[in-house]
Amino acid sequence: MRTLFIVGWLFAGLAGVIYHFGPGQEHLEVDRINRVLDEARTNVSLENYQTALAQFDQVMADLPEEKAEVAQRVLLEKTKAQMMAAQLPAARATLESMLSDLRGDESSDPELVADVQSTLANAQYYMTWLMRLEGLPEEEWMPEIEAARQHYTELNVKASSRGDRKTAERAAEDLESAVRLARMDLNDLKALPLPSQ
């Protein structure tokens, strides 16, 4: 009986070692990635955007290939941080690419698609605001605000059709803001503070 107990104890220890160096390593890696992601989110809330951007990049580099949707969500968080870190053109270009990729994949989560589309519309709105303040001619900024307006309209229609009243109202408000921005006199625009993102 004593021998059986010792053999069982040794096998239990061996199983623990196998787990630690096998699946246990995967769990440790997942925990490490989650810690870096939490730190990135904390840095965004503390407005330490450059640090957060580096951490988002680290998370995306470390995520396994089968976690593609998680990587897309992290990339979306990164683009939002880029917008706050005065990297609006880069964020906008990434968002356009993301939206195109997500729309081309039928298995994409509709909520993720809507979030990317809304963020892209916001980026286009802010780009228009800045372009107008820089004094660029209407033919340069008008396509930008028109694209934002179309996105807000589509978001409003889709949210209304699924009965999401809060999202539909937000999209309608954003649409009104986009129309006002396009029609606003430049002198009136200059008198306003930059919108918060």
C-alpha atoms as a PDB file:
ATOM      1  CA  MET A   1       0.000   0.000   0.000  1.00  0.00           C
ATOM      2  CA  ARG A   2       2.810   2.359   0.922  1.00  0.00           C
ATOM      3  CA  THR A   3       4.561   1.703  -2.394  1.00  0.00           C
ATOM      4  CA  LEU A   4       1.341   2.388  -4.273  1.00  0.00           C
ATOM      5  CA  PHE A   5       0.976   5.706  -2.439  1.00  0.00           C
ATOM      6  CA  ILE A   6       4.563   6.734  -3.271  1.00  0.00           C
ATOM      7  CA  VAL A   7       4.132   5.788  -6.948  1.00  0.00           C
ATOM      8  CA  GLY A   8       0.850   7.738  -7.076  1.00  0.00           C
ATOM      9  CA  TRP A   9       2.514  10.746  -5.462  1.00  0.00           C
ATOM     10  CA  LEU A  10       5.348  10.641  -8.018  1.00  0.00           C
ATOM     11  CA  PHE A  11       2.862  10.463 -10.907  1.00  0.00           C
ATOM     12  CA  ALA A  12       0.954  13.415  -9.485  1.00  0.00           C
ATOM     13  CA  GLY A  13       4.188  15.399  -9.332  1.00  0.00           C
ATOM     14  CA  LEU A  14       5.072  14.353 -12.869  1.00  0.00           C
ATOM     15  CA  ALA A  15       1.610  15.418 -14.088  1.00  0.00           C
ATOM     16  CA  GLY A  16       2.132  18.805 -12.425  1.00  0.00           C
ATOM     17  CA  VAL A  17       5.501  19.264 -14.120  1.00  0.00           C
ATOM     18  CA  ILE A  18       4.034  18.256 -17.502  1.00  0.00           C
ATOM     19  CA  TYR A  19       1.151  20.695 -17.039  1.00  0.00           C
ATOM     20  CA  HIS A  20       3.503  23.493 -15.969  1.00  0.00           C
ATOM     21  CA  PHE A  21       5.731  23.132 -19.018  1.00  0.00           C
ATOM     22  CA  GLY A  22       2.833  22.414 -21.414  1.00  0.00           C
ATOM     23  CA  PRO A  23      -0.629  23.992 -21.107  1.00  0.00           C
ATOM     24  CA  GLY A  24       0.477  25.887 -18.002  1.00  0.00           C
ATOM     25  CA  GLN A  25       2.860  27.973 -20.122  1.00  0.00           C
ATOM     26  CA  GLU A  26      -0.021  28.944 -22.393  1.00  0.00           C
ATOM     27  CA  HIS A  27      -2.037  30.103 -19.385  1.00  0.00           C
ATOM     28  CA  LEU A  28       0.918  32.110 -18.089  1.00  0.00           C
ATOM     29  CA  GLU A  29       1.278  33.772 -21.512  1.00  0.00           C
ATOM     30  CA  VAL A  30      -2.440  34.625 -21.628  1.00  0.00           C
ATOM     31  CA  ASP A  31      -2.191  36.127 -18.140  1.00  0.00           C
ATOM     32  CA  ARG A  32       0.847  38.188 -19.182  1.00  0.00           C
ATOM     33  CA  ILE A  33      -0.922  39.493 -22.304  1.00  0.00           C
ATOM     34  CA  ASN A  34      -4.001  40.409 -20.230  1.00  0.00           C
ATOM     35  CA  ARG A  35      -1.814  42.304 -17.739  1.00  0.00           C
ATOM     36  CA  VAL A  36      -0.190  44.337 -20.544  1.00  0.00           C
ATOM     37  CA  LEU A  37      -3.632  45.052 -22.045  1.00  0.00           C
ATOM     38  CA  ASP A  38      -4.953  46.220 -18.664  1.00  0.00           C
ATOM     39  CA  GLU A  39      -1.893  48.471 -18.277  1.00  0.00           C
ATOM     40  CA  ALA A  40      -2.509  49.927 -21.755  1.00  0.00           C
ATOM     41  CA  ARG A  41      -6.116  50.708 -20.868  1.00  0.00           C
ATOM     42  CA  THR A  42      -5.002  52.304 -17.609  1.00  0.00           C
ATOM     43  CA  ASN A  43      -2.473  54.436 -19.489  1.00  0.00           C
ATOM     44  CA  VAL A  44      -5.206  55.587 -21.885  1.00  0.00           C
ATOM     45  CA  SER A  45      -7.357  56.655 -18.934  1.00  0.00           C
ATOM     46  CA  LEU A  46      -4.335  58.502 -17.492  1.00  0.00           C
ATOM     47  CA  GLU A  47      -3.698  60.111 -20.906  1.00  0.00           C
ATOM     48  CA  ASN A  48      -0.292  58.406 -21.238  1.00  0.00           C
ATOM     49  CA  TYR A  49      -1.053  57.707 -24.880  1.00  0.00           C
ATOM     50  CA  GLN A  50       2.442  56.950 -26.189  1.00  0.00           C
ATOM     51  CA  THR A  51       2.991  54.308 -23.521  1.00  0.00           C
ATOM     52  CA  ALA A  52      -0.459  52.863 -24.186  1.00  0.00           C
ATOM     53  CA  LEU A  53       0.205  52.676 -27.936  1.00  0.00           C
ATOM     54  CA  ALA A  54       3.421  50.729 -27.364  1.00  0.00           C
ATOM     55  CA  GLN A  55       1.572  48.357 -25.034  1.00  0.00           C
ATOM     56  CA  PHE A  56      -1.251  47.812 -27.544  1.00  0.00           C
ATOM     57  CA  ASP A  57       1.403  46.994 -30.172  1.00  0.00           C
ATOM     58  CA  GLN A  58       3.003  44.512 -27.776  1.00  0.00           C
ATOM     59  CA  VAL A  59      -0.327  42.795 -27.111  1.00  0.00           C
ATOM     60  CA  MET A  60      -1.110  42.484 -30.832  1.00  0.00           C
ATOM     61  CA  ALA A  61       2.361  41.070 -31.538  1.00  0.00           C
ATOM     62  CA  ASP A  62       2.002  38.484 -28.756  1.00  0.00           C
ATOM     63  CA  LEU A  63      -1.541  37.337 -29.506  1.00  0.00           C
ATOM     64  CA  PRO A  64      -1.767  33.914 -31.178  1.00  0.00           C
ATOM     65  CA  GLU A  65      -3.051  33.867 -34.765  1.00  0.00           C
ATOM     66  CA  GLU A  66      -6.278  32.123 -33.756  1.00  0.00           C
ATOM     67  CA  LYS A  67      -7.223  35.171 -31.655  1.00  0.00           C
ATOM     68  CA  ALA A  68      -7.898  37.310 -34.743  1.00  0.00           C
ATOM     69  CA  GLU A  69     -11.093  38.896 -33.377  1.00  0.00           C
ATOM     70  CA  VAL A  70      -9.371  39.803 -30.110  1.00  0.00           C
ATOM     71  CA  ALA A  71      -6.545  41.363 -32.144  1.00  0.00           C
ATOM     72  CA  GLN A  72      -9.093  43.427 -34.099  1.00  0.00           C
ATOM     73  CA  ARG A  73     -10.659  44.692 -30.876  1.00  0.00           C
ATOM     74  CA  VAL A  74      -7.229  45.613 -29.501  1.00  0.00           C
ATOM     75  CA  LEU A  75      -6.399  47.376 -32.774  1.00  0.00           C
ATOM     76  CA  LEU A  76      -9.635  49.355 -32.464  1.00  0.00           C
ATOM     77  CA  GLU A  77      -8.658  50.409 -28.937  1.00  0.00           C
ATOM     78  CA  LYS A  78      -5.254  51.417 -30.298  1.00  0.00           C
ATOM     79  CA  THR A  79      -6.788  53.589 -33.026  1.00  0.00           C
ATOM     80  CA  LYS A  80      -8.938  55.354 -30.444  1.00  0.00           C
ATOM     81  CA  ALA A  81      -5.794  56.062 -28.413  1.00  0.00           C
ATOM     82  CA  GLN A  82      -4.045  57.283 -31.579  1.00  0.00           C
ATOM     83  CA  MET A  83      -6.865  59.766 -32.140  1.00  0.00           C
ATOM     84  CA  MET A  84      -6.260  61.148 -28.663  1.00  0.00           C
ATOM     85  CA  ALA A  85      -2.482  61.163 -29.216  1.00  0.00           C
ATOM     86  CA  ALA A  86      -2.667  63.528 -32.226  1.00  0.00           C
ATOM     87  CA  GLN A  87      -2.216  60.675 -34.716  1.00  0.00           C
ATOM     88  CA  LEU A  88      -5.560  61.172 -36.406  1.00  0.00           C
ATOM     89  CA  PRO A  89      -4.504  60.498 -40.029  1.00  0.00           C
ATOM     90  CA  ALA A  90      -2.848  57.188 -39.102  1.00  0.00           C
ATOM     91  CA  ALA A  91      -5.862  56.139 -37.032  1.00  0.00           C
ATOM     92  CA  ARG A  92      -8.239  57.057 -39.847  1.00  0.00           C
ATOM     93  CA  ALA A  93      -6.282  55.014 -42.411  1.00  0.00           C
ATOM     94  CA  THR A  94      -6.241  51.986 -40.094  1.00  0.00           C
ATOM     95  CA  LEU A  95      -9.967  52.299 -39.438  1.00  0.00           C
ATOM     96  CA  GLU A  96     -10.771  52.414 -43.156  1.00  0.00           C
ATOM     97  CA  SER A  97      -8.740  49.256 -43.706  1.00  0.00           C
ATOM     98  CA  MET A  98     -10.346  47.533 -40.712  1.00  0.00           C
ATOM     99  CA  LEU A  99     -13.862  48.374 -41.845  1.00  0.00           C
ATOM    100  CA  SER A 100     -13.151  47.079 -45.326  1.00  0.00           C
ATOM    101  CA  ASP A 101     -11.715  43.823 -43.935  1.00  0.00           C
ATOM    102  CA  LEU A 102     -14.584  43.310 -41.488  1.00  0.00           C
ATOM    103  CA  ARG A 103     -17.229  43.941 -44.134  1.00  0.00           C
ATOM    104  CA  GLY A 104     -15.507  41.419 -46.386  1.00  0.00           C
ATOM    105  CA  ASP A 105     -15.754  38.714 -43.709  1.00  0.00           C
ATOM    106  CA  GLU A 106     -19.294  37.368 -43.196  1.00  0.00           C
ATOM    107  CA  SER A 107     -18.355  35.955 -39.780  1.00  0.00           C
ATOM    108  CA  SER A 108     -17.486  39.413 -38.387  1.00  0.00           C
ATOM    109  CA  ASP A 109     -19.272  40.449 -35.206  1.00  0.00           C
ATOM    110  CA  PRO A 110     -21.860  43.129 -36.186  1.00  0.00           C
ATOM    111  CA  GLU A 111     -21.170  45.052 -32.956  1.00  0.00           C
ATOM    112  CA  LEU A 112     -17.461  45.229 -33.778  1.00  0.00           C
ATOM    113  CA  VAL A 113     -18.259  46.385 -37.326  1.00  0.00           C
ATOM    114  CA  ALA A 114     -20.558  49.110 -35.946  1.00  0.00           C
ATOM    115  CA  ASP A 115     -17.936  50.227 -33.422  1.00  0.00           C
ATOM    116  CA  VAL A 116     -15.261  50.467 -36.122  1.00  0.00           C
ATOM    117  CA  GLN A 117     -17.658  52.332 -38.434  1.00  0.00           C
ATOM    118  CA  SER A 118     -18.631  54.779 -35.697  1.00  0.00           C
ATOM    119  CA  THR A 119     -14.993  55.407 -34.782  1.00  0.00           C
ATOM    120  CA  LEU A 120     -14.117  55.948 -38.450  1.00  0.00           C
ATOM    121  CA  ALA A 121     -16.987  58.427 -38.835  1.00  0.00           C
ATOM    122  CA  ASN A 122     -15.738  60.297 -35.763  1.00  0.00           C
ATOM    123  CA  ALA A 123     -12.210  60.385 -37.195  1.00  0.00           C
ATOM    124  CA  GLN A 124     -13.556  61.784 -40.463  1.00  0.00           C
ATOM    125  CA  TYR A 125     -15.560  64.394 -38.553  1.00  0.00           C
ATOM    126  CA  TYR A 126     -12.467  65.563 -36.637  1.00  0.00           C
ATOM    127  CA  MET A 127     -10.366  65.505 -39.811  1.00  0.00           C
ATOM    128  CA  THR A 128     -12.933  67.775 -41.461  1.00  0.00           C
ATOM    129  CA  TRP A 129     -12.869  70.156 -38.510  1.00  0.00           C
ATOM    130  CA  LEU A 130      -9.068  70.401 -38.686  1.00  0.00           C
ATOM    131  CA  MET A 131      -9.011  70.722 -42.479  1.00  0.00           C
ATOM    132  CA  ARG A 132     -11.477  73.576 -42.306  1.00  0.00           C
ATOM    133  CA  LEU A 133      -9.458  75.334 -39.598  1.00  0.00           C
ATOM    134  CA  GLU A 134      -6.370  75.000 -41.801  1.00  0.00           C
ATOM    135  CA  GLY A 135      -8.262  76.864 -44.507  1.00  0.00           C
ATOM    136  CA  LEU A 136      -8.313  74.042 -47.024  1.00  0.00           C
ATOM    137  CA  PRO A 137     -10.772  74.489 -49.901  1.00  0.00           C
ATOM    138  CA  GLU A 138     -14.195  72.876 -49.768  1.00  0.00           C
ATOM    139  CA  GLU A 139     -13.365  70.310 -52.447  1.00  0.00           C
ATOM    140  CA  GLU A 140     -10.740  68.848 -50.070  1.00  0.00           C
ATOM    141  CA  TRP A 141     -12.753  68.643 -46.858  1.00  0.00           C
ATOM    142  CA  MET A 142     -16.226  68.014 -48.273  1.00  0.00           C
ATOM    143  CA  PRO A 143     -15.579  64.327 -49.214  1.00  0.00           C
ATOM    144  CA  GLU A 144     -14.393  63.722 -45.657  1.00  0.00           C
ATOM    145  CA  ILE A 145     -17.506  65.100 -43.967  1.00  0.00           C
ATOM    146  CA  GLU A 146     -19.745  63.480 -46.583  1.00  0.00           C
ATOM    147  CA  ALA A 147     -18.208  60.084 -45.787  1.00  0.00           C
ATOM    148  CA  ALA A 148     -18.786  60.703 -42.068  1.00  0.00           C
ATOM    149  CA  ARG A 149     -22.378  61.709 -42.770  1.00  0.00           C
ATOM    150  CA  GLN A 150     -22.985  58.500 -44.718  1.00  0.00           C
ATOM    151  CA  HIS A 151     -21.538  56.382 -41.927  1.00  0.00           C
ATOM    152  CA  TYR A 152     -23.693  58.114 -39.298  1.00  0.00           C
ATOM    153  CA  THR A 153     -26.777  57.645 -41.470  1.00  0.00           C
ATOM    154  CA  GLU A 154     -26.068  53.936 -41.926  1.00  0.00           C
ATOM    155  CA  LEU A 155     -25.409  53.477 -38.201  1.00  0.00           C
ATOM    156  CA  ASN A 156     -28.693  55.227 -37.403  1.00  0.00           C
ATOM    157  CA  VAL A 157     -30.687  53.079 -39.825  1.00  0.00           C
ATOM    158  CA  LYS A 158     -29.153  49.808 -38.624  1.00  0.00           C
ATOM    159  CA  ALA A 159     -29.584  50.671 -34.938  1.00  0.00           C
ATOM    160  CA  SER A 160     -33.213  51.704 -35.529  1.00  0.00           C
ATOM    161  CA  SER A 161     -33.957  48.475 -37.385  1.00  0.00           C
ATOM    162  CA  ARG A 162     -32.687  46.343 -34.495  1.00  0.00           C
ATOM    163  CA  GLY A 163     -34.507  48.477 -31.919  1.00  0.00           C
ATOM    164  CA  ASP A 164     -31.358  49.950 -30.347  1.00  0.00           C
ATOM    165  CA  ARG A 165     -32.819  53.351 -29.560  1.00  0.00           C
ATOM    166  CA  LYS A 166     -29.817  54.709 -27.646  1.00  0.00           C
ATOM    167  CA  THR A 167     -27.342  53.979 -30.470  1.00  0.00           C
ATOM    168  CA  ALA A 168     -29.805  55.293 -33.065  1.00  0.00           C
ATOM    169  CA  GLU A 169     -30.204  58.573 -31.156  1.00  0.00           C
ATOM    170  CA  ARG A 170     -26.434  58.942 -30.783  1.00  0.00           C
ATOM    171  CA  ALA A 171     -25.926  58.356 -34.521  1.00  0.00           C
ATOM    172  CA  ALA A 172     -28.693  60.874 -35.327  1.00  0.00           C
ATOM    173  CA  GLU A 173     -27.013  63.487 -33.091  1.00  0.00           C
ATOM    174  CA  ASP A 174     -23.663  62.800 -34.747  1.00  0.00           C
ATOM    175  CA  LEU A 175     -25.304  63.115 -38.157  1.00  0.00           C
ATOM    176  CA  GLU A 176     -26.746  66.523 -37.213  1.00  0.00           C
ATOM    177  CA  SER A 177     -23.308  67.643 -36.002  1.00  0.00           C
ATOM    178  CA  ALA A 178     -21.743  66.564 -39.309  1.00  0.00           C
ATOM    179  CA  VAL A 179     -24.343  68.495 -41.302  1.00  0.00           C
ATOM    180  CA  ARG A 180     -23.816  71.594 -39.115  1.00  0.00           C
ATOM    181  CA  LEU A 181     -20.036  71.341 -39.539  1.00  0.00           C
ATOM    182  CA  ALA A 182     -20.384  71.227 -43.337  1.00  0.00           C
ATOM    183  CA  ARG A 183     -22.690  74.275 -43.373  1.00  0.00           C
ATOM    184  CA  MET A 184     -20.988  76.339 -40.685  1.00  0.00           C
ATOM    185  CA  ASP A 185     -19.311  79.598 -41.632  1.00  0.00           C
ATOM    186  CA  LEU A 186     -15.541  79.418 -41.138  1.00  0.00           C
ATOM    187  CA  ASN A 187     -15.503  82.430 -38.799  1.00  0.00           C
ATOM    188  CA  ASP A 188     -18.123  80.772 -36.584  1.00  0.00           C
ATOM    189  CA  LEU A 189     -16.102  77.551 -36.627  1.00  0.00           C
ATOM    190  CA  LYS A 190     -12.938  79.353 -35.538  1.00  0.00           C
ATOM    191  CA  ALA A 191     -14.810  80.818 -32.568  1.00  0.00           C
ATOM    192  CA  LEU A 192     -15.684  77.341 -31.265  1.00  0.00           C
ATOM    193  CA  PRO A 193     -13.411  75.168 -29.116  1.00  0.00           C
ATOM    194  CA  LEU A 194     -12.169  71.964 -30.712  1.00  0.00           C
ATOM    195  CA  PRO A 195     -14.638  69.162 -30.058  1.00  0.00           C
ATOM    196  CA  SER A 196     -13.713  66.529 -27.500  1.00  0.00           C
ATOM    197  CA  GLN A 197     -13.180  63.070 -28.843  1.00  0.00           C
END
